[in-house]
PDB file of N, CA and C in Angstrom:
ATOM      1  N   MET A   1      39.572   1.919  -4.807  1.00  0.00           N
ATOM      2  CA  MET A   1      37.931   1.846  -5.448  1.00  0.00           C
ATOM      3  C   MET A   1      38.040   3.106  -4.729  1.00  0.00           C
ATOM      4  N   GLY A   2      36.983   3.252  -5.815  1.00  0.00           N
ATOM      5  CA  GLY A   2      36.214   5.109  -5.875  1.00  0.00           C
ATOM      6  C   GLY A   2      35.299   4.582  -5.847  1.00  0.00           C
ATOM      7  N   PRO A   3      33.957   5.598  -5.939  1.00  0.00           N
ATOM      8  CA  PRO A   3      32.903   6.391  -5.183  1.00  0.00           C
ATOM      9  C   PRO A   3      32.133   4.728  -5.364  1.00  0.00           C
ATOM     10  N   ILE A   4      32.422   4.776  -7.097  1.00  0.00           N
ATOM     11  CA  ILE A   4      31.200   3.085  -7.376  1.00  0.00           C
ATOM     12  C   ILE A   4      32.262   1.893  -6.781  1.00  0.00           C
ATOM     13  N   MET A   5      31.432   1.092  -6.190  1.00  0.00           N
ATOM     14  CA  MET A   5      31.343  -0.154  -5.291  1.00  0.00           C
ATOM     15  C   MET A   5      30.672  -1.043  -5.503  1.00  0.00           C
ATOM     16  N   ILE A   6      31.386  -2.194  -6.082  1.00  0.00           N
ATOM     17  CA  ILE A   6      30.491  -3.644  -6.852  1.00  0.00           C
ATOM     18  C   ILE A   6      30.262  -4.517  -5.723  1.00  0.00           C
ATOM     19  N   LEU A   7      29.226  -4.940  -5.750  1.00  0.00           N
ATOM     20  CA  LEU A   7      28.534  -5.585  -4.491  1.00  0.00           C
ATOM     21  C   LEU A   7      29.269  -7.237  -4.914  1.00  0.00           C
ATOM     22  N   SER A   8      30.335  -7.644  -4.113  1.00  0.00           N
ATOM     23  CA  SER A   8      30.960  -8.936  -4.548  1.00  0.00           C
ATOM     24  C   SER A   8      31.005  -9.886  -3.178  1.00  0.00           C
ATOM     25  N   GLY A   9      30.047  -9.380  -2.234  1.00  0.00           N
ATOM     26  CA  GLY A   9      30.072 -10.658  -1.210  1.00  0.00           C
ATOM     27  C   GLY A   9      28.592 -10.735  -0.253  1.00  0.00           C
ATOM     28  N   GLY A  10      27.959 -12.026   0.158  1.00  0.00           N
ATOM     29  CA  GLY A  10      27.567 -12.090   0.915  1.00  0.00           C
ATOM     30  C   GLY A  10      27.147 -10.917   1.891  1.00  0.00           C
ATOM     31  N   TYR A  11      28.090 -10.639   2.569  1.00  0.00           N
ATOM     32  CA  TYR A  11      27.971  -9.666   3.825  1.00  0.00           C
ATOM     33  C   TYR A  11      27.504  -8.118   3.221  1.00  0.00           C
ATOM     34  N   GLU A  12      27.839  -7.933   1.879  1.00  0.00           N
ATOM     35  CA  GLU A  12      27.430  -6.012   1.436  1.00  0.00           C
ATOM     36  C   GLU A  12      25.893  -6.408   0.952  1.00  0.00           C
ATOM     37  N   ALA A  13      26.094  -7.258   0.387  1.00  0.00           N
ATOM     38  CA  ALA A  13      24.016  -7.429   0.194  1.00  0.00           C
ATOM     39  C   ALA A  13      23.365  -7.836   1.363  1.00  0.00           C
ATOM     40  N   SER A  14      23.949  -7.985   2.263  1.00  0.00           N
ATOM     41  CA  SER A  14      22.739  -8.437   3.561  1.00  0.00           C
ATOM     42  C   SER A  14      22.875  -6.887   4.263  1.00  0.00           C
ATOM     43  N   VAL A  15      24.236  -6.393   4.487  1.00  0.00           N
ATOM     44  CA  VAL A  15      23.672  -4.800   4.633  1.00  0.00           C
ATOM     45  C   VAL A  15      22.932  -3.736   4.052  1.00  0.00           C
ATOM     46  N   LEU A  16      23.140  -4.496   2.985  1.00  0.00           N
ATOM     47  CA  LEU A  16      22.055  -3.252   1.850  1.00  0.00           C
ATOM     48  C   LEU A  16      20.970  -3.642   2.086  1.00  0.00           C
ATOM     49  N   ILE A  17      20.744  -5.349   2.346  1.00  0.00           N
ATOM     50  CA  ILE A  17      19.166  -5.559   2.343  1.00  0.00           C
ATOM     51  C   ILE A  17      18.415  -5.022   3.448  1.00  0.00           C
ATOM     52  N   GLY A  18      19.174  -5.345   5.107  1.00  0.00           N
ATOM     53  CA  GLY A  18      19.013  -4.766   6.085  1.00  0.00           C
ATOM     54  C   GLY A  18      18.075  -3.300   6.524  1.00  0.00           C
ATOM     55  N   PHE A  19      19.458  -2.311   5.706  1.00  0.00           N
ATOM     56  CA  PHE A  19      19.494  -1.074   5.805  1.00  0.00           C
ATOM     57  C   PHE A  19      18.196  -0.589   4.764  1.00  0.00           C
ATOM     58  N   GLY A  20      17.827  -1.235   3.642  1.00  0.00           N
ATOM     59  CA  GLY A  20      16.732  -0.729   2.719  1.00  0.00           C
ATOM     60  C   GLY A  20      15.313  -1.197   3.887  1.00  0.00           C
ATOM     61  N   ILE A  21      15.393  -1.569   4.421  1.00  0.00           N
ATOM     62  CA  ILE A  21      14.174  -2.976   5.639  1.00  0.00           C
ATOM     63  C   ILE A  21      14.315  -1.470   6.722  1.00  0.00           C
ATOM     64  N   LEU A  22      15.307  -0.956   7.411  1.00  0.00           N
ATOM     65  CA  LEU A  22      15.681  -0.322   8.636  1.00  0.00           C
ATOM     66  C   LEU A  22      14.901   1.140   7.948  1.00  0.00           C
ATOM     67  N   THR A  23      14.816   1.584   6.101  1.00  0.00           N
ATOM     68  CA  THR A  23      14.633   2.329   5.853  1.00  0.00           C
ATOM     69  C   THR A  23      13.161   2.710   5.706  1.00  0.00           C
ATOM     70  N   ALA A  24      12.688   1.391   5.506  1.00  0.00           N
ATOM     71  CA  ALA A  24      10.969   0.802   5.286  1.00  0.00           C
ATOM     72  C   ALA A  24      10.295   1.232   6.102  1.00  0.00           C
ATOM     73  N   ILE A  25      10.715   0.661   7.462  1.00  0.00           N
ATOM     74  CA  ILE A  25      10.066   0.683   8.406  1.00  0.00           C
ATOM     75  C   ILE A  25       9.682   2.080   9.090  1.00  0.00           C
ATOM     76  N   PRO A  26      10.175   2.936   9.253  1.00  0.00           N
ATOM     77  CA  PRO A  26       9.817   4.413   9.432  1.00  0.00           C
ATOM     78  C   PRO A  26       8.472   5.016   8.278  1.00  0.00           C
ATOM     79  N   LEU A  27       8.803   4.827   7.143  1.00  0.00           N
ATOM     80  CA  LEU A  27       7.612   5.161   6.440  1.00  0.00           C
ATOM     81  C   LEU A  27       6.746   4.221   6.091  1.00  0.00           C
ATOM     82  N   ILE A  28       6.865   3.137   6.643  1.00  0.00           N
ATOM     83  CA  ILE A  28       5.438   2.394   6.794  1.00  0.00           C
ATOM     84  C   ILE A  28       4.818   2.908   7.883  1.00  0.00           C
ATOM     85  N   LEU A  29       5.533   2.975   8.904  1.00  0.00           N
ATOM     86  CA  LEU A  29       4.646   3.956   9.995  1.00  0.00           C
ATOM     87  C   LEU A  29       3.826   4.940   9.823  1.00  0.00           C
ATOM     88  N   PHE A  30       4.895   5.766   9.536  1.00  0.00           N
ATOM     89  CA  PHE A  30       4.455   6.889   9.281  1.00  0.00           C
ATOM     90  C   PHE A  30       2.820   7.336   8.160  1.00  0.00           C
ATOM     91  N   GLY A  31       2.899   6.073   6.848  1.00  0.00           N
ATOM     92  CA  GLY A  31       1.969   5.941   6.214  1.00  0.00           C
ATOM     93  C   GLY A  31       0.508   5.688   7.255  1.00  0.00           C
ATOM     94  N   ALA A  32       0.820   4.701   7.997  1.00  0.00           N
ATOM     95  CA  ALA A  32      -0.390   3.951   9.034  1.00  0.00           C
ATOM     96  C   ALA A  32      -0.616   4.868   9.588  1.00  0.00           C
ATOM     97  N   ALA A  33      -0.104   5.876   9.902  1.00  0.00           N
ATOM     98  CA  ALA A  33      -0.238   7.225  11.264  1.00  0.00           C
ATOM     99  C   ALA A  33      -0.729   8.243  10.085  1.00  0.00           C
ATOM    100  N   ALA A  34      -0.693   8.479   9.284  1.00  0.00           N
ATOM    101  CA  ALA A  34      -1.053   9.841   8.488  1.00  0.00           C
ATOM    102  C   ALA A  34      -2.531   9.130   7.854  1.00  0.00           C
ATOM    103  N   SER A  35      -2.385   8.176   7.515  1.00  0.00           N
ATOM    104  CA  SER A  35      -4.038   7.470   7.397  1.00  0.00           C
ATOM    105  C   SER A  35      -4.981   8.050   8.670  1.00  0.00           C
ATOM    106  N   ARG A  36      -4.624   7.961  10.147  1.00  0.00           N
ATOM    107  CA  ARG A  36      -5.663   8.049  10.977  1.00  0.00           C
ATOM    108  C   ARG A  36      -5.440   9.764  11.355  1.00  0.00           C
ATOM    109  N   ILE A  37      -5.158  10.833  11.203  1.00  0.00           N
ATOM    110  CA  ILE A  37      -5.032  12.281  11.297  1.00  0.00           C
ATOM    111  C   ILE A  37      -5.398  13.126  10.483  1.00  0.00           C
ATOM    112  N   PRO A  38      -6.257  14.354  10.394  1.00  0.00           N
ATOM    113  CA  PRO A  38      -6.141  14.650   9.322  1.00  0.00           C
ATOM    114  C   PRO A  38      -5.464  15.920   8.395  1.00  0.00           C
ATOM    115  N   LEU A  39      -4.950  16.301   7.283  1.00  0.00           N
ATOM    116  CA  LEU A  39      -4.322  16.024   6.568  1.00  0.00           C
ATOM    117  C   LEU A  39      -3.689  16.887   6.631  1.00  0.00           C
ATOM    118  N   SER A  40      -4.658  18.387   7.135  1.00  0.00           N
ATOM    119  CA  SER A  40      -4.179  19.427   7.866  1.00  0.00           C
ATOM    120  C   SER A  40      -2.983  19.625   9.249  1.00  0.00           C
ATOM    121  N   SER A  41      -3.850  18.652   9.684  1.00  0.00           N
ATOM    122  CA  SER A  41      -2.603  18.231  10.920  1.00  0.00           C
ATOM    123  C   SER A  41      -1.102  17.601  10.532  1.00  0.00           C
ATOM    124  N   ILE A  42      -1.664  17.098   9.501  1.00  0.00           N
ATOM    125  CA  ILE A  42       0.525  16.067   8.677  1.00  0.00           C
ATOM    126  C   ILE A  42       0.641  17.763   7.877  1.00  0.00           C
ATOM    127  N   GLY A  43      -0.019  18.578   7.399  1.00  0.00           N
ATOM    128  CA  GLY A  43       0.908  19.310   7.337  1.00  0.00           C
ATOM    129  C   GLY A  43       1.651  20.570   7.585  1.00  0.00           C
ATOM    130  N   PHE A  44       1.034  20.511   9.081  1.00  0.00           N
ATOM    131  CA  PHE A  44       1.294  21.379  10.165  1.00  0.00           C
ATOM    132  C   PHE A  44       2.568  21.251  11.367  1.00  0.00           C
ATOM    133  N   ILE A  45       2.311  19.548  11.404  1.00  0.00           N
ATOM    134  CA  ILE A  45       3.132  18.725  12.158  1.00  0.00           C
ATOM    135  C   ILE A  45       4.842  18.788  10.982  1.00  0.00           C
ATOM    136  N   GLN A  46       4.589  18.890   9.755  1.00  0.00           N
ATOM    137  CA  GLN A  46       5.747  18.712   8.662  1.00  0.00           C
ATOM    138  C   GLN A  46       6.815  20.110   9.421  1.00  0.00           C
ATOM    139  N   TYR A  47       5.845  21.003   9.579  1.00  0.00           N
ATOM    140  CA  TYR A  47       7.078  22.059   9.882  1.00  0.00           C
ATOM    141  C   TYR A  47       7.368  22.330  10.976  1.00  0.00           C
ATOM    142  N   LEU A  48       7.319  21.341  11.844  1.00  0.00           N
ATOM    143  CA  LEU A  48       7.542  21.049  12.911  1.00  0.00           C
ATOM    144  C   LEU A  48       9.543  20.365  13.097  1.00  0.00           C
ATOM    145  N   THR A  49       9.864  19.656  12.588  1.00  0.00           N
ATOM    146  CA  THR A  49      10.808  18.968  11.946  1.00  0.00           C
ATOM    147  C   THR A  49      11.596  20.174  11.750  1.00  0.00           C
ATOM    148  N   PRO A  50      11.949  20.935  10.749  1.00  0.00           N
ATOM    149  CA  PRO A  50      12.924  22.010  10.354  1.00  0.00           C
ATOM    150  C   PRO A  50      12.812  23.249  11.755  1.00  0.00           C
ATOM    151  N   THR A  51      11.939  23.401  12.415  1.00  0.00           N
ATOM    152  CA  THR A  51      12.025  24.156  13.009  1.00  0.00           C
ATOM    153  C   THR A  51      12.506  23.410  14.348  1.00  0.00           C
ATOM    154  N   LEU A  52      12.326  22.455  14.598  1.00  0.00           N
ATOM    155  CA  LEU A  52      12.822  21.738  16.045  1.00  0.00           C
ATOM    156  C   LEU A  52      14.753  22.175  15.502  1.00  0.00           C
ATOM    157  N   GLN A  53      14.790  21.474  14.411  1.00  0.00           N
ATOM    158  CA  GLN A  53      15.734  21.550  13.896  1.00  0.00           C
ATOM    159  C   GLN A  53      17.741  22.703  13.787  1.00  0.00           C
ATOM    160  N   PHE A  54      16.300  23.735  13.480  1.00  0.00           N
ATOM    161  CA  PHE A  54      16.819  25.289  13.579  1.00  0.00           C
ATOM    162  C   PHE A  54      16.944  25.977  14.774  1.00  0.00           C
ATOM    163  N   LEU A  55      16.000  25.475  15.635  1.00  0.00           N
ATOM    164  CA  LEU A  55      16.758  25.903  16.963  1.00  0.00           C
ATOM    165  C   LEU A  55      17.357  25.230  18.177  1.00  0.00           C
ATOM    166  N   ILE A  56      17.935  24.086  17.768  1.00  0.00           N
ATOM    167  CA  ILE A  56      19.141  23.091  18.005  1.00  0.00           C
ATOM    168  C   ILE A  56      20.040  23.974  18.184  1.00  0.00           C
ATOM    169  N   ALA A  57      20.340  24.061  16.084  1.00  0.00           N
ATOM    170  CA  ALA A  57      21.533  24.478  15.595  1.00  0.00           C
ATOM    171  C   ALA A  57      21.085  25.765  16.164  1.00  0.00           C
ATOM    172  N   TYR A  58      20.779  26.728  16.448  1.00  0.00           N
ATOM    173  CA  TYR A  58      21.065  28.447  17.346  1.00  0.00           C
ATOM    174  C   TYR A  58      21.585  27.988  18.373  1.00  0.00           C
ATOM    175  N   PHE A  59      20.655  27.679  19.137  1.00  0.00           N
ATOM    176  CA  PHE A  59      20.857  27.209  20.976  1.00  0.00           C
ATOM    177  C   PHE A  59      22.029  25.984  20.929  1.00  0.00           C
ATOM    178  N   ILE A  60      21.714  25.157  20.396  1.00  0.00           N
ATOM    179  CA  ILE A  60      23.059  24.336  21.435  1.00  0.00           C
ATOM    180  C   ILE A  60      23.748  23.945  20.529  1.00  0.00           C
ATOM    181  N   LEU A  61      24.107  23.626  19.104  1.00  0.00           N
ATOM    182  CA  LEU A  61      25.080  24.070  18.261  1.00  0.00           C
ATOM    183  C   LEU A  61      25.426  25.511  17.845  1.00  0.00           C
ATOM    184  N   GLN A  62      25.228  26.728  18.358  1.00  0.00           N
ATOM    185  CA  GLN A  62      25.780  27.967  18.338  1.00  0.00           C
ATOM    186  C   GLN A  62      25.633  28.179  17.059  1.00  0.00           C
ATOM    187  N   GLU A  63      25.337  27.967  15.952  1.00  0.00           N
ATOM    188  CA  GLU A  63      25.207  28.152  14.419  1.00  0.00           C
ATOM    189  C   GLU A  63      24.798  29.881  14.400  1.00  0.00           C
ATOM    190  N   PRO A  64      25.682  30.647  13.449  1.00  0.00           N
ATOM    191  CA  PRO A  64      25.178  31.836  13.177  1.00  0.00           C
ATOM    192  C   PRO A  64      24.204  32.269  12.605  1.00  0.00           C
ATOM    193  N   MET A  65      23.203  33.546  13.046  1.00  0.00           N
ATOM    194  CA  MET A  65      21.865  33.333  12.056  1.00  0.00           C
ATOM    195  C   MET A  65      22.107  34.891  11.786  1.00  0.00           C
ATOM    196  N   PRO A  66      22.385  35.200  10.807  1.00  0.00           N
ATOM    197  CA  PRO A  66      22.177  36.550  10.094  1.00  0.00           C
ATOM    198  C   PRO A  66      20.777  37.274   9.920  1.00  0.00           C
ATOM    199  N   ALA A  67      20.416  37.876   9.602  1.00  0.00           N
ATOM    200  CA  ALA A  67      18.997  38.992   9.600  1.00  0.00           C
ATOM    201  C   ALA A  67      18.698  38.314   8.817  1.00  0.00           C
ATOM    202  N   ALA A  68      19.128  37.690   7.625  1.00  0.00           N
ATOM    203  CA  ALA A  68      18.630  37.154   6.474  1.00  0.00           C
ATOM    204  C   ALA A  68      17.652  36.144   6.566  1.00  0.00           C
ATOM    205  N   ARG A  69      18.212  35.152   7.729  1.00  0.00           N
ATOM    206  CA  ARG A  69      17.639  33.675   8.432  1.00  0.00           C
ATOM    207  C   ARG A  69      16.511  34.462   8.691  1.00  0.00           C
ATOM    208  N   TRP A  70      17.115  35.280   9.754  1.00  0.00           N
ATOM    209  CA  TRP A  70      15.722  35.687  11.012  1.00  0.00           C
ATOM    210  C   TRP A  70      13.980  36.005  10.354  1.00  0.00           C
ATOM    211  N   ILE A  71      14.703  36.598   8.882  1.00  0.00           N
ATOM    212  CA  ILE A  71      13.104  36.727   8.477  1.00  0.00           C
ATOM    213  C   ILE A  71      12.676  36.439   7.517  1.00  0.00           C
ATOM    214  N   GLY A  72      13.740  35.638   6.833  1.00  0.00           N
ATOM    215  CA  GLY A  72      12.559  34.178   6.503  1.00  0.00           C
ATOM    216  C   GLY A  72      12.496  32.986   7.151  1.00  0.00           C
ATOM    217  N   PHE A  73      12.913  33.133   8.588  1.00  0.00           N
ATOM    218  CA  PHE A  73      12.366  31.944   9.473  1.00  0.00           C
ATOM    219  C   PHE A  73      10.975  33.127   9.943  1.00  0.00           C
ATOM    220  N   GLY A  74      11.179  34.144   9.930  1.00  0.00           N
ATOM    221  CA  GLY A  74       9.903  34.608  10.809  1.00  0.00           C
ATOM    222  C   GLY A  74       8.386  35.032   9.270  1.00  0.00           C
ATOM    223  N   LEU A  75       9.090  35.103   8.151  1.00  0.00           N
ATOM    224  CA  LEU A  75       7.995  35.205   7.109  1.00  0.00           C
ATOM    225  C   LEU A  75       7.863  33.868   6.922  1.00  0.00           C
ATOM    226  N   VAL A  76       8.056  32.515   7.242  1.00  0.00           N
ATOM    227  CA  VAL A  76       7.444  31.551   6.976  1.00  0.00           C
ATOM    228  C   VAL A  76       6.507  31.263   8.354  1.00  0.00           C
ATOM    229  N   TRP A  77       6.627  31.380   8.983  1.00  0.00           N
ATOM    230  CA  TRP A  77       5.954  31.330  10.697  1.00  0.00           C
ATOM    231  C   TRP A  77       4.435  32.185  10.866  1.00  0.00           C
ATOM    232  N   ILE A  78       4.803  33.398   9.671  1.00  0.00           N
ATOM    233  CA  ILE A  78       4.089  34.406   9.659  1.00  0.00           C
ATOM    234  C   ILE A  78       2.844  33.962   8.461  1.00  0.00           C
ATOM    235  N   SER A  79       3.270  33.320   7.889  1.00  0.00           N
ATOM    236  CA  SER A  79       2.649  33.201   6.562  1.00  0.00           C
ATOM    237  C   SER A  79       1.672  32.039   6.996  1.00  0.00           C
ATOM    238  N   LEU A  80       2.119  30.671   7.907  1.00  0.00           N
ATOM    239  CA  LEU A  80       1.940  29.609   8.341  1.00  0.00           C
ATOM    240  C   LEU A  80       0.288  30.571   9.390  1.00  0.00           C
ATOM    241  N   ALA A  81       0.523  31.068  10.488  1.00  0.00           N
ATOM    242  CA  ALA A  81      -0.506  31.898  10.952  1.00  0.00           C
ATOM    243  C   ALA A  81      -1.648  32.105  10.165  1.00  0.00           C
ATOM    244  N   VAL A  82      -1.341  33.409   8.944  1.00  0.00           N
ATOM    245  CA  VAL A  82      -2.154  33.307   8.587  1.00  0.00           C
ATOM    246  C   VAL A  82      -3.054  32.486   7.655  1.00  0.00           C
ATOM    247  N   LEU A  83      -2.307  31.386   6.958  1.00  0.00           N
ATOM    248  CA  LEU A  83      -2.939  30.109   6.557  1.00  0.00           C
ATOM    249  C   LEU A  83      -3.889  29.475   7.364  1.00  0.00           C
ATOM    250  N   THR A  84      -3.017  28.858   8.690  1.00  0.00           N
ATOM    251  CA  THR A  84      -3.882  28.005   9.795  1.00  0.00           C
ATOM    252  C   THR A  84      -5.282  29.608  10.724  1.00  0.00           C
ATOM    253  N   PHE A  85      -5.126  31.132  10.046  1.00  0.00           N
ATOM    254  CA  PHE A  85      -5.758  31.701  10.339  1.00  0.00           C
ATOM    255  C   PHE A  85      -6.964  31.643   9.840  1.00  0.00           C
ATOM    256  N   ASP A  86      -7.285  31.370   8.352  1.00  0.00           N
ATOM    257  CA  ASP A  86      -8.218  31.554   7.244  1.00  0.00           C
ATOM    258  C   ASP A  86      -8.769  30.563   7.710  1.00  0.00           C
ATOM    259  N   ALA A  87      -7.547  29.397   7.633  1.00  0.00           N
ATOM    260  CA  ALA A  87      -8.594  27.644   7.697  1.00  0.00           C
ATOM    261  C   ALA A  87      -9.145  27.597   8.501  1.00  0.00           C
ATOM    262  N   LEU A  88      -9.058  28.327   9.935  1.00  0.00           N
ATOM    263  CA  LEU A  88      -9.875  28.240  10.806  1.00  0.00           C
ATOM    264  C   LEU A  88     -11.271  28.800  10.361  1.00  0.00           C
ATOM    265  N   ARG A  89     -10.780  30.241   9.809  1.00  0.00           N
ATOM    266  CA  ARG A  89     -12.010  31.295  10.104  1.00  0.00           C
ATOM    267  C   ARG A  89     -12.886  30.122   9.012  1.00  0.00           C
ATOM    268  N   SER A  90     -12.637  30.155   7.816  1.00  0.00           N
ATOM    269  CA  SER A  90     -13.516  29.136   6.489  1.00  0.00           C
ATOM    270  C   SER A  90     -13.994  27.922   6.704  1.00  0.00           C
ATOM    271  N   ARG A  91     -13.184  26.859   7.832  1.00  0.00           N
ATOM    272  CA  ARG A  91     -14.265  25.733   8.387  1.00  0.00           C
ATOM    273  C   ARG A  91     -15.374  25.620   8.593  1.00  0.00           C
ATOM    274  N   ARG A  92     -16.115  24.721   7.497  1.00  0.00           N
ATOM    275  CA  ARG A  92     -17.710  24.359   7.366  1.00  0.00           C
ATOM    276  C   ARG A  92     -17.897  23.753   8.543  1.00  0.00           C
ATOM    277  N   PRO A  93     -19.196  23.693   8.653  1.00  0.00           N
ATOM    278  CA  PRO A  93     -19.579  22.446   9.794  1.00  0.00           C
ATOM    279  C   PRO A  93     -19.138  20.940   9.273  1.00  0.00           C
ATOM    280  N   SER A  94     -19.080  20.453  10.113  1.00  0.00           N
ATOM    281  CA  SER A  94     -19.567  18.692   9.189  1.00  0.00           C
ATOM    282  C   SER A  94     -20.455  18.211   8.975  1.00  0.00           C
ATOM    283  N   LEU A  95     -21.427  18.059   8.093  1.00  0.00           N
ATOM    284  CA  LEU A  95     -22.391  18.176   8.038  1.00  0.00           C
ATOM    285  C   LEU A  95     -22.896  16.102   8.295  1.00  0.00           C
ATOM    286  N   PRO A  96     -24.471  15.574   9.213  1.00  0.00           N
ATOM    287  CA  PRO A  96     -23.799  14.366   9.824  1.00  0.00           C
ATOM    288  C   PRO A  96     -23.884  13.519   8.961  1.00  0.00           C
ATOM    289  N   ILE A  97     -23.242  12.205   9.237  1.00  0.00           N
ATOM    290  CA  ILE A  97     -23.872  11.218   7.566  1.00  0.00           C
ATOM    291  C   ILE A  97     -25.206  10.556   7.317  1.00  0.00           C
ATOM    292  N   ALA A  98     -25.828  10.475   6.452  1.00  0.00           N
ATOM    293  CA  ALA A  98     -26.852   9.734   6.425  1.00  0.00           C
ATOM    294  C   ALA A  98     -27.145   8.165   6.310  1.00  0.00           C
ATOM    295  N   GLU A  99     -28.082   8.265   7.248  1.00  0.00           N
ATOM    296  CA  GLU A  99     -27.627   6.155   7.447  1.00  0.00           C
ATOM    297  C   GLU A  99     -28.323   5.848   6.032  1.00  0.00           C
ATOM    298  N   VAL A 100     -27.778   4.335   5.356  1.00  0.00           N
ATOM    299  CA  VAL A 100     -27.967   3.982   4.332  1.00  0.00           C
ATOM    300  C   VAL A 100     -28.936   3.510   5.127  1.00  0.00           C
ATOM    301  N   ALA A 101     -30.202   3.135   3.523  1.00  0.00           N
ATOM    302  CA  ALA A 101     -31.096   1.622   4.584  1.00  0.00           C
ATOM    303  C   ALA A 101     -31.066   0.206   3.808  1.00  0.00           C
TER     304      ALA A 101
END
């Protein structure tokens, strides 16, 4: 059969449903955790995964790193440092929450 397969049996349908659930569980957990920490922290954490993948590829898997990739990697982290510095510099103190009578 070609790349398009038709689910014809109960086994295929149950596998499809099972993998759907396995895909949904981490997304639900991420959504629950994301509501508990500041959005700026989530944004910074999103840069850790590609950075860890880069480090694994370079140091463990010995991927070649031409100069253009090093420059791009450096520019991304320099821009993140500037963004973080600016956010910390311009952060306003939080106002106390007034009690409602």
